Protein backbone atom coordinates (compact mmCIF):
# COMPACT_ATOMS: atom_id res chain seq x y z
CA UNK A 1 16.32 -0.95 30.01
CA UNK A 2 18.76 -2.99 28.02
CA UNK A 3 17.56 -5.63 25.54
CA UNK A 4 19.40 -8.97 25.38
CA UNK A 5 18.67 -12.06 23.30
CA UNK A 6 19.06 -15.60 24.65
CA UNK A 7 20.71 -18.28 22.55
CA UNK A 8 17.32 -19.94 22.11
CA UNK A 9 15.79 -16.73 20.75
CA UNK A 10 18.71 -16.23 18.34
CA UNK A 11 18.32 -19.84 17.19
CA UNK A 12 14.60 -19.18 16.62
CA UNK A 13 15.48 -16.14 14.53
CA UNK A 14 17.89 -18.20 12.43
CA UNK A 15 15.36 -20.99 12.00
CA UNK A 16 12.68 -18.55 10.84
CA UNK A 17 15.10 -16.90 8.41
CA UNK A 18 16.13 -20.24 6.95
CA UNK A 19 12.51 -21.32 6.48
CA UNK A 20 11.49 -18.07 4.79
CA UNK A 21 14.66 -17.75 2.69
CA UNK A 22 13.92 -21.06 0.98
CA UNK A 23 10.90 -19.40 -0.64
CA UNK A 24 12.04 -15.77 -0.86
CA UNK A 25 15.36 -14.46 0.50
CA UNK A 26 14.25 -10.82 0.28
CA UNK A 27 11.13 -11.47 2.37
CA UNK A 28 13.22 -13.45 4.86
CA UNK A 29 15.59 -10.51 5.34
CA UNK A 30 12.69 -8.06 5.77
CA UNK A 31 10.89 -10.23 8.31
CA UNK A 32 14.04 -10.84 10.35
CA UNK A 33 14.84 -7.10 10.34
CA UNK A 34 11.34 -6.37 11.69
CA UNK A 35 11.65 -9.07 14.35
CA UNK A 36 15.00 -7.68 15.51
CA UNK A 37 13.72 -4.08 15.58
CA UNK A 38 10.33 -4.90 17.11
CA UNK A 39 11.46 -5.53 20.69
CA UNK A 40 13.36 -2.21 20.87
CA UNK A 41 10.16 -0.57 22.16
CA UNK A 42 10.58 -2.72 25.27
CA UNK A 43 13.60 -0.65 26.29
CA UNK A 44 11.24 2.20 27.20
CA UNK A 45 7.99 0.26 27.71
CA UNK A 46 8.99 -3.14 29.12
CA UNK A 47 5.51 -3.97 30.41
CA UNK A 48 3.87 -3.42 27.02
CA UNK A 49 3.38 -7.16 26.46
CA UNK A 50 0.77 -9.45 27.99
CA UNK A 51 1.81 -11.20 31.23
CA UNK A 52 2.15 -14.99 31.27
CA UNK A 53 1.19 -16.05 34.79
CA UNK A 54 2.35 -19.64 34.25
CA UNK A 55 5.90 -18.41 34.85
CA UNK A 56 5.33 -16.62 38.18
CA UNK A 57 7.27 -15.42 40.14
CA UNK A 58 9.31 -14.59 37.01
CA UNK A 59 7.95 -11.66 35.01
CA UNK A 60 7.52 -13.31 31.60
CA UNK A 61 5.37 -11.62 28.96
CA UNK A 62 4.63 -11.95 25.27
CA UNK A 63 4.39 -9.41 22.50
CA UNK A 64 2.98 -9.94 19.02
CA UNK A 65 5.06 -8.58 16.17
CA UNK A 66 2.96 -9.09 13.09
CA UNK A 67 2.31 -12.84 12.87
CA UNK A 68 5.10 -13.68 15.33
CA UNK A 69 4.98 -14.19 19.08
CA UNK A 70 7.94 -12.97 21.07
CA UNK A 71 8.33 -14.11 24.68
CA UNK A 72 10.48 -12.06 26.99
CA UNK A 73 11.38 -11.70 30.64
CA UNK A 74 11.93 -8.55 32.65
CA UNK A 75 14.83 -9.14 35.05
CA UNK A 76 16.08 -6.09 36.90
CA UNK A 77 17.15 -3.47 34.36
CA UNK A 78 17.28 -5.94 31.48
CA UNK A 79 14.72 -7.39 29.10
CA UNK A 80 15.65 -10.89 27.94
CA UNK A 81 14.17 -12.04 24.65
CA UNK A 82 13.46 -15.72 25.39
CA UNK A 83 11.78 -17.27 22.34
CA UNK A 84 10.25 -16.30 19.03
CA UNK A 85 7.95 -18.16 16.61
CA UNK A 86 5.22 -17.78 14.03
CA UNK A 87 1.76 -17.89 15.58
CA UNK A 88 0.77 -20.75 13.26
CA UNK A 89 3.57 -22.97 14.53
CA UNK A 90 2.54 -25.80 16.80
CA UNK A 91 4.11 -24.85 20.14
């Protein structure tokens, strides 16, 4: 499967980087690199994450990457990364 990021997910990634970089740019770069690499496992195991039945009939799931929640959708032969945030954020 191919992995694609939505504009919202890319904006989330930028927001998280900006927040972390204010305190420590090196940590921000490391965290963002992990968050970008983390979903690559979904290319071979797209159903690894936990299903979110609120979105039925769409196949939306979430995957935890460290302290971050990544929401994604399986659509045909593509995995769309939808949103990304720290688990302590009020969502």
